[in-house]
Amino acid sequence: MLSSITLVLLFQVAGELVARLFGLPVPGPVLGMVFMLFAFLLKDNLIDSVRPTAGVLLANLSLLFVPAGVGIMRHVDRFLTEGVAIAVTIVLSTILAMLATAWTILWVQKRMHLSDED
């Protein structure tokens, strides 16, 4: 399990380094996930070594939201003054993400010549 967590953290650090070195507007952990995806595609047995640890992390994912909840409570006054803007931003970004996802699915279906039944 320790080697799997180390591997995940190494990909995160690699993503963070690339993002900072090249001044990319993409968060380092997101780049790390992309790097890990490519590593999974290149090395078949790598995903099998990470899978058990990933399962444990996903099973306890709710614990990772505790620090975010504490952060929200520490800035409750800010939410009271800027709450409407935050709520509108969350709703609009969610709608845009859903539209982008739907468009991407339709585009991939067209490119792969898939029907709705496929």
Foldseek 3Di string as FASTA:
>chain_A
DVVLVVLLVVLLVVQCVVCVVVVPPDHSNVSSVVVVVVVCVVDVCSCVVNVVVVVVCVVVVVVVCVVVVVVCVVVVVVCVVCVVVVVVVVVVVVVVVVVVVVVVVVVVCVVVVHDPVD
